[in-house]
């Protein structure tokens, strides 16, 4: 598949990024005849910095042929080709909040310690000074409740050299938080950060949960049996290239069924699906498309693609309170690579359990079982 468009002229010195939320299954991004990027993986975001590039002609070339260095190798769903998730042109001031470190929301909000009486959170963003001089950058953080009322703020000034990048972090504690409580009350706050003239924001929910082999799943200290379905992103005539109206129609059915849990299989769905789950109070498991075939030989390129897609998924979807489970994949057989992957995800996000779906009689690797059982004890 070939896509072509003309980008608007850039304002001199304006940092510009192309944000692709998902292109099936691999893509070459070509600007004025120069290939700027190759991305392998059909369901996770990637970013192309086109700052200072002269011209306007953009071309994206996609392919979905079998590639032994890319997951999925096989699947029980159509591996569609083409641009099936949104694409954005992000234009920023010279001092701006970069999308490259923390995904297209441009900030991460972690909620490592939540209870009925308090919520401790960590908000992180990366500021980039693309100007040719040092800057004193005013940074203003805020937390707003669902009505838009500002409940917490934090201000600081960051000194940045020309061309520098710097992480800014806000640790805060909210007393007596209004909890995100599943279907009953999916309450959302908004965290925002101003860096100079730029702003980024994301919705967040404060909730805590536990997993117990005997008692099952609990949400905010109360038993919360998970009842739901496995959902693919596929519709006649459009395949996986959903519009918001298509998502709304699917999720109206989910609401009618009374589901409080969705396994969004077997790949990260469009970000809009997760926003719907946040606002509807549906708990989610999302996974990378490591499906059916573990790979006859785990080559370096194949292993790196698995890790890349997992990193891109976790980075992009990190803030969604609906996501409780990161999944390593589906029915691909088990091996030491799953154990290593689970450990990596724990390091990237220690606040959520790591899951794997259905071995169906295939041998389980003892290292993986150890990692999984440790995670269940942790939560």
Protein backbone atom coordinates (compact mmCIF):
# COMPACT_ATOMS: atom_id res chain seq x y z
CA UNK A 1 0.00 0.00 0.00
CA UNK A 2 1.24 3.48 -0.88
CA UNK A 3 0.04 6.69 0.73
CA UNK A 4 0.99 10.18 -0.43
CA UNK A 5 0.18 13.63 0.90
CA UNK A 6 1.52 17.18 0.96
CA UNK A 7 2.42 18.58 4.37
CA UNK A 8 1.87 22.25 5.16
CA UNK A 9 4.95 24.44 5.01
CA UNK A 10 6.94 24.52 8.21
CA UNK A 11 7.43 27.70 10.15
CA UNK A 12 11.16 28.36 10.30
CA UNK A 13 12.74 26.61 13.27
CA UNK A 14 9.53 24.91 14.41
CA UNK A 15 10.10 21.37 15.73
CA UNK A 16 7.82 18.95 13.90
CA UNK A 17 7.06 15.28 14.47
CA UNK A 18 5.01 12.75 12.57
CA UNK A 19 3.20 10.45 14.99
CA UNK A 20 1.96 7.15 13.57
CA UNK A 21 -0.30 5.31 16.01
CA UNK A 22 -0.17 2.08 13.98
CA UNK A 23 0.70 1.00 10.44
CA UNK A 24 0.26 -2.59 9.28
CA UNK A 25 2.51 -4.39 9.24
CA UNK A 26 5.75 -2.58 8.37
CA UNK A 27 6.26 0.92 6.99
CA UNK A 28 8.83 3.07 5.24
CA UNK A 29 8.38 6.82 5.77
CA UNK A 30 9.75 8.80 2.83
CA UNK A 31 9.98 12.61 2.77
CA UNK A 32 10.97 14.33 -0.45
CA UNK A 33 12.51 11.09 -1.70
CA UNK A 34 14.58 10.40 1.45
CA UNK A 35 13.65 7.39 3.59
CA UNK A 36 13.56 8.75 7.13
CA UNK A 37 12.27 5.74 9.00
CA UNK A 38 11.52 2.02 8.76
CA UNK A 39 9.17 0.59 11.37
CA UNK A 40 8.34 -3.09 11.80
CA UNK A 41 5.15 -3.85 13.74
CA UNK A 42 1.55 -3.18 12.83
CA UNK A 43 -0.15 -2.01 16.03
CA UNK A 44 2.22 0.18 18.04
CA UNK A 45 3.14 3.86 17.65
CA UNK A 46 6.31 5.30 16.23
CA UNK A 47 7.60 8.82 15.72
CA UNK A 48 9.54 10.59 12.97
CA UNK A 49 11.31 13.88 13.67
CA UNK A 50 11.01 16.03 10.54
CA UNK A 51 12.31 19.24 12.10
CA UNK A 52 14.22 21.26 9.54
CA UNK A 53 13.25 19.01 6.63
CA UNK A 54 12.60 21.11 3.53
CA UNK A 55 9.73 20.32 1.22
CA UNK A 56 6.24 18.94 1.63
CA UNK A 57 5.89 15.59 -0.16
CA UNK A 58 5.33 12.71 2.27
CA UNK A 59 5.00 9.09 1.23
CA UNK A 60 4.34 6.04 3.40
CA UNK A 61 4.92 2.59 1.92
CA UNK A 62 3.38 -0.34 3.81
CA UNK A 63 3.63 -4.11 3.46
CA UNK A 64 2.12 -7.07 5.30
CA UNK A 65 3.96 -10.01 3.76
CA UNK A 66 5.32 -12.77 5.99
CA UNK A 67 8.48 -11.57 7.68
CA UNK A 68 10.45 -14.03 9.88
CA UNK A 69 11.89 -11.08 11.82
CA UNK A 70 8.50 -9.60 12.80
CA UNK A 71 5.62 -10.73 14.98
CA UNK A 72 3.08 -12.09 14.36
CA UNK A 73 4.45 -14.91 12.22
CA UNK A 74 1.03 -16.50 12.12
CA UNK A 75 -2.30 -15.55 13.60
CA UNK A 76 -5.98 -16.41 13.90
CA UNK A 77 -6.87 -12.94 12.61
CA UNK A 78 -6.13 -11.00 9.44
CA UNK A 79 -2.79 -9.21 9.47
CA UNK A 80 -4.04 -6.20 7.57
CA UNK A 81 -1.73 -3.88 5.67
CA UNK A 82 -1.87 -0.11 5.50
CA UNK A 83 -2.43 2.89 7.75
CA UNK A 84 -5.27 1.72 9.97
CA UNK A 85 -4.66 3.94 13.05
CA UNK A 86 -4.51 7.75 13.16
CA UNK A 87 -1.51 9.79 11.99
CA UNK A 88 -0.69 13.18 13.47
CA UNK A 89 1.53 16.10 12.56
CA UNK A 90 2.77 17.63 15.81
CA UNK A 91 4.15 21.17 15.58
CA UNK A 92 5.81 22.54 18.71
CA UNK A 93 7.53 25.67 19.97
CA UNK A 94 11.33 25.51 20.13
CA UNK A 95 11.15 24.63 23.82
CA UNK A 96 8.70 21.76 23.85
CA UNK A 97 7.58 18.51 25.44
CA UNK A 98 8.93 15.66 23.35
CA UNK A 99 6.76 12.65 22.33
CA UNK A 100 9.77 10.34 21.97
CA UNK A 101 10.40 9.43 25.61
CA UNK A 102 6.87 9.02 27.01
CA UNK A 103 4.64 8.36 24.01
CA UNK A 104 2.11 10.48 22.17
CA UNK A 105 0.55 11.78 25.41
CA UNK A 106 4.08 13.12 26.03
CA UNK A 107 3.96 12.33 29.73
CA UNK A 108 3.64 9.33 32.01
CA UNK A 109 1.72 9.22 35.26
CA UNK A 110 2.47 6.31 37.56
CA UNK A 111 0.28 5.50 40.58
CA UNK A 112 2.45 3.18 42.68
CA UNK A 113 0.65 3.62 46.02
CA UNK A 114 -3.10 4.11 46.19
CA UNK A 115 -5.54 3.45 49.02
CA UNK A 116 -8.87 4.89 50.15
CA UNK A 117 -7.23 7.74 52.05
CA UNK A 118 -4.42 8.79 49.69
CA UNK A 119 -2.89 8.37 46.25
CA UNK A 120 0.82 8.81 45.65
CA UNK A 121 1.70 9.48 42.01
CA UNK A 122 4.69 10.33 39.85
CA UNK A 123 4.28 12.40 36.68
CA UNK A 124 7.14 12.51 34.17
CA UNK A 125 7.76 14.43 30.95
CA UNK A 126 10.77 15.23 28.81
CA UNK A 127 11.50 18.82 27.76
CA UNK A 128 13.56 19.54 24.66
CA UNK A 129 15.26 22.89 24.03
CA UNK A 130 15.59 22.99 20.23
CA UNK A 131 16.76 26.62 20.23
CA UNK A 132 20.37 27.73 19.80
CA UNK A 133 20.60 29.37 23.22
CA UNK A 134 20.23 28.40 26.87
CA UNK A 135 16.74 28.85 28.31
CA UNK A 136 15.12 29.28 31.70
CA UNK A 137 11.98 27.21 31.22
CA UNK A 138 9.01 27.71 33.56
CA UNK A 139 7.34 24.36 34.24
CA UNK A 140 3.84 24.26 35.73
CA UNK A 141 2.10 21.03 36.71
CA UNK A 142 -1.54 20.65 37.70
CA UNK A 143 -4.03 18.00 38.72
CA UNK A 144 -7.68 18.72 37.95
CA UNK A 145 -10.73 16.76 39.03
CA UNK A 146 -13.47 15.61 36.67
CA UNK A 147 -15.24 18.98 36.89
CA UNK A 148 -12.09 20.83 35.83
CA UNK A 149 -11.32 22.17 39.30
CA UNK A 150 -7.60 22.44 40.03
CA UNK A 151 -6.83 20.42 43.17
CA UNK A 152 -3.01 20.29 43.16
CA UNK A 153 -0.28 22.36 41.49
CA UNK A 154 3.50 22.49 41.32
CA UNK A 155 5.77 25.09 39.71
CA UNK A 156 9.49 25.10 39.01
CA UNK A 157 12.05 26.63 36.66
CA UNK A 158 14.38 24.40 34.66
CA UNK A 159 17.67 25.68 33.22
CA UNK A 160 18.36 24.09 29.83
CA UNK A 161 21.36 24.42 27.55
CA UNK A 162 20.86 24.80 23.80
CA UNK A 163 19.84 21.49 22.23
CA UNK A 164 19.43 19.77 25.61
CA UNK A 165 16.77 17.30 26.71
CA UNK A 166 15.78 16.98 30.35
CA UNK A 167 13.24 14.90 32.26
CA UNK A 168 11.01 16.78 34.68
CA UNK A 169 9.27 14.89 37.48
CA UNK A 170 6.43 15.78 39.81
CA UNK A 171 5.87 13.56 42.85
CA UNK A 172 2.54 14.31 44.49
CA UNK A 173 0.12 12.86 46.98
CA UNK A 174 -3.63 13.41 46.80
CA UNK A 175 -5.55 13.01 50.04
CA UNK A 176 -8.91 11.24 49.94
CA UNK A 177 -8.85 10.57 46.19
CA UNK A 178 -12.02 9.90 44.26
CA UNK A 179 -11.18 6.39 43.11
CA UNK A 180 -11.62 4.95 39.64
CA UNK A 181 -14.06 2.22 40.63
CA UNK A 182 -14.87 0.15 37.57
CA UNK A 183 -18.34 0.19 36.06
CA UNK A 184 -19.84 1.77 39.17
CA UNK A 185 -17.78 4.96 39.09
CA UNK A 186 -14.97 5.32 36.48
CA UNK A 187 -13.78 8.65 37.85
CA UNK A 188 -10.96 10.41 35.98
CA UNK A 189 -8.62 13.25 36.87
CA UNK A 190 -6.45 15.19 34.41
CA UNK A 191 -2.73 15.79 34.82
CA UNK A 192 -1.20 18.55 32.71
CA UNK A 193 2.23 20.10 32.34
CA UNK A 194 3.10 23.47 30.82
CA UNK A 195 6.70 23.90 29.68
CA UNK A 196 7.14 27.42 28.41
CA UNK A 197 4.49 27.81 25.70
CA UNK A 198 3.89 24.07 25.25
CA UNK A 199 1.35 21.91 27.10
CA UNK A 200 0.69 18.19 27.42
CA UNK A 201 -2.05 16.46 29.39
CA UNK A 202 -3.55 13.06 30.07
CA UNK A 203 -6.47 11.56 31.96
CA UNK A 204 -5.57 9.37 34.94
CA UNK A 205 -7.48 7.24 37.38
CA UNK A 206 -6.50 6.29 40.92
CA UNK A 207 -7.29 2.67 41.80
CA UNK A 208 -5.72 -0.25 43.58
CA UNK A 209 -6.22 -3.94 43.02
CA UNK A 210 -5.06 -7.36 44.11
CA UNK A 211 -4.90 -10.89 42.75
CA UNK A 212 -5.32 -13.92 44.97
CA UNK A 213 -5.39 -17.56 43.86
CA UNK A 214 -8.24 -18.32 46.24
CA UNK A 215 -10.16 -15.04 46.44
CA UNK A 216 -9.76 -13.89 42.84
CA UNK A 217 -9.54 -10.28 41.72
CA UNK A 218 -10.27 -7.33 44.01
CA UNK A 219 -10.66 -3.68 43.02
CA UNK A 220 -10.19 -0.95 45.63
CA UNK A 221 -10.28 -3.49 48.44
CA UNK A 222 -13.50 -5.25 47.38
CA UNK A 223 -14.07 -8.49 45.52
CA UNK A 224 -14.59 -7.73 41.83
CA UNK A 225 -15.10 -10.87 39.72
CA UNK A 226 -14.01 -10.22 36.15
CA UNK A 227 -16.63 -11.08 33.55
CA UNK A 228 -16.14 -10.23 29.92
CA UNK A 229 -15.13 -11.27 26.45
CA UNK A 230 -12.22 -11.50 24.07
CA UNK A 231 -12.55 -8.66 21.54
CA UNK A 232 -10.90 -8.24 18.16
CA UNK A 233 -10.78 -4.97 16.26
CA UNK A 234 -12.35 -6.14 13.02
CA UNK A 235 -15.44 -5.13 11.09
CA UNK A 236 -16.79 -6.10 7.69
CA UNK A 237 -15.73 -3.72 4.96
CA UNK A 238 -13.19 -1.78 7.03
CA UNK A 239 -11.12 -4.52 8.69
CA UNK A 240 -9.19 -2.88 11.56
CA UNK A 241 -9.40 0.70 10.25
CA UNK A 242 -12.09 1.72 12.74
CA UNK A 243 -13.57 5.17 13.01
CA UNK A 244 -14.68 6.52 16.40
CA UNK A 245 -18.27 5.72 15.38
CA UNK A 246 -17.28 2.09 14.77
CA UNK A 247 -15.69 1.85 18.20
CA UNK A 248 -18.72 3.48 19.81
CA UNK A 249 -20.99 0.90 18.14
CA UNK A 250 -18.88 -2.03 19.36
CA UNK A 251 -18.64 -0.70 22.89
CA UNK A 252 -22.38 -0.06 23.06
CA UNK A 253 -22.74 -3.82 22.61
CA UNK A 254 -20.11 -4.44 25.29
CA UNK A 255 -22.06 -2.20 27.66
CA UNK A 256 -25.31 -4.00 26.84
CA UNK A 257 -23.64 -7.33 27.65
CA UNK A 258 -22.66 -6.00 31.07
CA UNK A 259 -18.94 -6.72 30.65
CA UNK A 260 -16.57 -5.34 33.25
CA UNK A 261 -13.49 -6.88 31.60
CA UNK A 262 -12.10 -7.04 28.06
CA UNK A 263 -9.20 -8.91 26.65
CA UNK A 264 -8.26 -6.73 23.69
CA UNK A 265 -6.66 -9.38 21.52
CA UNK A 266 -4.24 -10.14 20.06
CA UNK A 267 -2.55 -6.77 19.60
CA UNK A 268 -2.77 -3.26 21.01
CA UNK A 269 -5.99 -1.73 19.74
CA UNK A 270 -6.40 1.88 18.67
CA UNK A 271 -5.83 4.27 21.60
CA UNK A 272 -9.45 5.42 21.37
CA UNK A 273 -10.55 1.96 22.51
CA UNK A 274 -8.58 2.36 25.74
CA UNK A 275 -10.02 5.83 26.31
CA UNK A 276 -13.49 4.32 26.02
CA UNK A 277 -12.56 1.65 28.56
CA UNK A 278 -11.18 4.32 30.92
CA UNK A 279 -14.45 6.25 30.75
CA UNK A 280 -16.73 3.21 30.89
CA UNK A 281 -14.88 1.56 33.77
CA UNK A 282 -13.90 -1.59 31.87
CA UNK A 283 -10.78 -3.43 33.05
CA UNK A 284 -8.46 -4.41 30.21
CA UNK A 285 -5.77 -6.87 29.28
CA UNK A 286 -3.73 -5.74 26.28
CA UNK A 287 -1.03 -7.74 24.56
CA UNK A 288 1.58 -7.74 21.83
CA UNK A 289 0.88 -9.84 18.71
CA UNK A 290 3.23 -12.70 19.64
CA UNK A 291 0.70 -15.24 18.49
CA UNK A 292 0.58 -18.99 17.79
CA UNK A 293 4.18 -19.35 16.63
CA UNK A 294 6.98 -18.71 19.08
CA UNK A 295 9.44 -18.86 16.18
CA UNK A 296 11.42 -21.85 14.94
CA UNK A 297 14.62 -19.97 15.69
CA UNK A 298 14.82 -16.92 17.93
CA UNK A 299 17.12 -14.75 15.86
CA UNK A 300 18.47 -11.48 17.18
CA UNK A 301 16.28 -9.48 14.80
CA UNK A 302 13.17 -11.45 15.78
CA UNK A 303 13.85 -11.06 19.51
CA UNK A 304 14.49 -7.33 19.11
CA UNK A 305 11.18 -6.91 17.28
CA UNK A 306 9.31 -8.58 20.14
CA UNK A 307 10.95 -6.29 22.67
CA UNK A 308 10.40 -3.23 20.49
CA UNK A 309 6.68 -3.89 20.14
CA UNK A 310 6.33 -4.50 23.88
CA UNK A 311 8.23 -1.30 24.70
CA UNK A 312 6.12 0.71 22.26
CA UNK A 313 2.90 -0.72 23.70
CA UNK A 314 3.81 -0.05 27.33
CA UNK A 315 5.15 3.44 26.56
CA UNK A 316 2.11 4.51 24.57
CA UNK A 317 -0.63 3.06 26.78
CA UNK A 318 1.01 3.58 30.17
CA UNK A 319 -1.46 6.13 31.56
CA UNK A 320 -4.73 4.28 30.98
CA UNK A 321 -6.28 3.25 34.34
CA UNK A 322 -8.39 0.63 32.57
CA UNK A 323 -5.27 -1.40 31.75
CA UNK A 324 -4.50 -3.78 34.61
CA UNK A 325 -2.72 -6.59 32.73
CA UNK A 326 0.15 -6.43 30.24
CA UNK A 327 0.17 -9.63 28.20
CA UNK A 328 3.17 -11.24 26.53
CA UNK A 329 1.09 -12.83 23.81
CA UNK A 330 -1.17 -15.72 22.94
CA UNK A 331 -0.69 -19.49 22.63
CA UNK A 332 2.77 -19.32 21.10
CA UNK A 333 4.36 -21.93 23.35
CA UNK A 334 6.57 -21.07 26.27
CA UNK A 335 10.27 -20.58 26.63
CA UNK A 336 12.97 -18.63 28.47
CA UNK A 337 12.28 -15.64 26.22
CA UNK A 338 8.91 -15.22 27.94
CA UNK A 339 10.65 -15.13 31.32
CA UNK A 340 13.09 -12.50 30.13
CA UNK A 341 10.28 -10.46 28.62
CA UNK A 342 8.22 -10.64 31.81
CA UNK A 343 11.20 -9.38 33.79
CA UNK A 344 11.67 -6.48 31.38
CA UNK A 345 8.01 -5.45 31.69
CA UNK A 346 8.27 -5.59 35.50
CA UNK A 347 11.16 -3.14 35.33
CA UNK A 348 9.34 -0.84 32.89
CA UNK A 349 6.10 -0.86 34.89
CA UNK A 350 6.21 -2.46 38.35
CA UNK A 351 2.63 -1.37 39.09
CA UNK A 352 0.87 -3.92 36.85
CA UNK A 353 1.02 -7.71 36.59
CA UNK A 354 2.35 -9.46 33.50
CA UNK A 355 0.15 -12.12 31.97
CA UNK A 356 0.26 -14.76 29.27
CA UNK A 357 -2.75 -16.24 27.56
CA UNK A 358 -3.41 -19.96 27.05
CA UNK A 359 -0.60 -22.46 26.49
CA UNK A 360 -3.21 -25.13 25.56
CA UNK A 361 -1.19 -28.15 26.54
CA UNK A 362 2.16 -26.81 25.40
CA UNK A 363 5.04 -27.23 27.87
CA UNK A 364 5.53 -24.39 30.33
CA UNK A 365 9.06 -23.22 30.97
CA UNK A 366 9.82 -23.27 34.72
CA UNK A 367 11.56 -19.89 34.60
CA UNK A 368 8.40 -18.31 33.25
CA UNK A 369 6.21 -19.93 35.89
CA UNK A 370 8.52 -18.51 38.56
CA UNK A 371 8.22 -15.00 37.19
CA UNK A 372 4.46 -15.28 36.94
CA UNK A 373 4.02 -16.59 40.49
CA UNK A 374 6.29 -13.87 41.89
CA UNK A 375 4.15 -11.26 40.19
CA UNK A 376 0.98 -12.67 41.66
CA UNK A 377 2.53 -12.55 45.13
CA UNK A 378 3.65 -8.96 44.57
CA UNK A 379 0.18 -7.72 43.76
